[in-house]
Amino acid sequence: MTRHADPIALAVQTRIWREKSPGEKILLTARLWMQARALKLAVVRQRHPEWDAARVEAAVREAMHGGRA
């Protein structure tokens, strides 16, 4: 179940999403994915400062593609 503090905000967001073209939806989804990946990268680097870039990248790849959060 989705929880929103404001049902009006949910209705507005839903309307805006439905008005987007397929291309706009793909672009927004890609941007969200890139932001989530950048955030995960920062978290892994912060939690494991001793890891080299390859190990960090592998952990991020596993988390993003393996379904772990």
Protein backbone atom coordinates (compact mmCIF):
# COMPACT_ATOMS: atom_id res chain seq x y z
CA MET A 1 0.00 0.00 0.00
CA THR A 2 1.29 3.44 -0.92
CA ARG A 3 1.20 6.01 1.86
CA HIS A 4 1.04 9.71 1.18
CA ALA A 5 0.64 12.47 3.71
CA ASP A 6 -1.62 14.33 1.33
CA PRO A 7 -4.12 12.65 -0.99
CA ILE A 8 -4.38 15.87 -2.99
CA ALA A 9 -0.64 15.77 -3.69
CA LEU A 10 -0.98 12.16 -4.86
CA ALA A 11 -3.80 13.13 -7.20
CA VAL A 12 -1.73 15.98 -8.65
CA GLN A 13 1.31 13.75 -9.10
CA THR A 14 -0.81 11.08 -10.79
CA ARG A 15 -2.36 13.61 -13.16
CA ILE A 16 1.04 15.06 -14.08
CA TRP A 17 2.49 11.57 -14.69
CA ARG A 18 -0.43 10.61 -16.93
CA GLU A 19 0.07 13.77 -18.99
CA LYS A 20 3.71 12.91 -19.72
CA SER A 21 4.61 11.39 -23.07
CA PRO A 22 6.28 7.97 -23.10
CA GLY A 23 9.59 9.67 -23.90
CA GLU A 24 9.25 12.03 -20.95
CA LYS A 25 8.46 9.11 -18.66
CA ILE A 26 11.54 7.22 -19.87
CA LEU A 27 13.73 10.29 -19.34
CA LEU A 28 12.40 10.88 -15.83
CA THR A 29 12.80 7.21 -14.94
CA ALA A 30 16.39 7.20 -16.24
CA ARG A 31 17.20 10.32 -14.22
CA LEU A 32 15.73 8.76 -11.08
CA TRP A 33 17.79 5.60 -11.68
CA MET A 34 20.99 7.65 -12.09
CA GLN A 35 20.25 9.60 -8.91
CA ALA A 36 19.60 6.40 -6.96
CA ARG A 37 22.83 4.90 -8.28
CA ALA A 38 24.83 8.01 -7.36
CA LEU A 39 23.37 7.91 -3.86
CA LYS A 40 24.20 4.21 -3.48
CA LEU A 41 27.74 4.89 -4.70
CA ALA A 42 28.17 7.62 -2.07
CA VAL A 43 26.83 5.35 0.68
CA VAL A 44 29.13 2.47 -0.25
CA ARG A 45 32.15 4.80 -0.40
CA GLN A 46 31.27 6.26 3.00
CA ARG A 47 30.75 2.87 4.63
CA HIS A 48 33.86 1.32 3.09
CA PRO A 49 36.55 3.98 2.65
CA GLU A 50 39.19 1.25 2.51
CA TRP A 51 37.71 -0.27 -0.67
CA ASP A 52 39.24 0.54 -4.05
CA ALA A 53 37.13 1.92 -6.91
CA ALA A 54 36.65 -1.50 -8.51
CA ARG A 55 35.30 -3.06 -5.33
CA VAL A 56 32.97 -0.09 -4.72
CA GLU A 57 31.69 -0.33 -8.29
CA ALA A 58 31.11 -4.07 -7.93
CA ALA A 59 29.14 -3.54 -4.71
CA VAL A 60 27.01 -0.83 -6.30
CA ARG A 61 26.38 -2.95 -9.37
CA GLU A 62 25.35 -5.91 -7.20
CA ALA A 63 23.07 -3.73 -5.08
CA MET A 64 21.39 -2.06 -8.04
CA HIS A 65 21.02 -5.16 -10.19
CA GLY A 66 20.81 -7.80 -7.51
CA GLY A 67 17.85 -6.24 -5.77
CA ARG A 68 19.48 -5.40 -2.45
CA ALA A 69 18.96 -1.96 -0.97
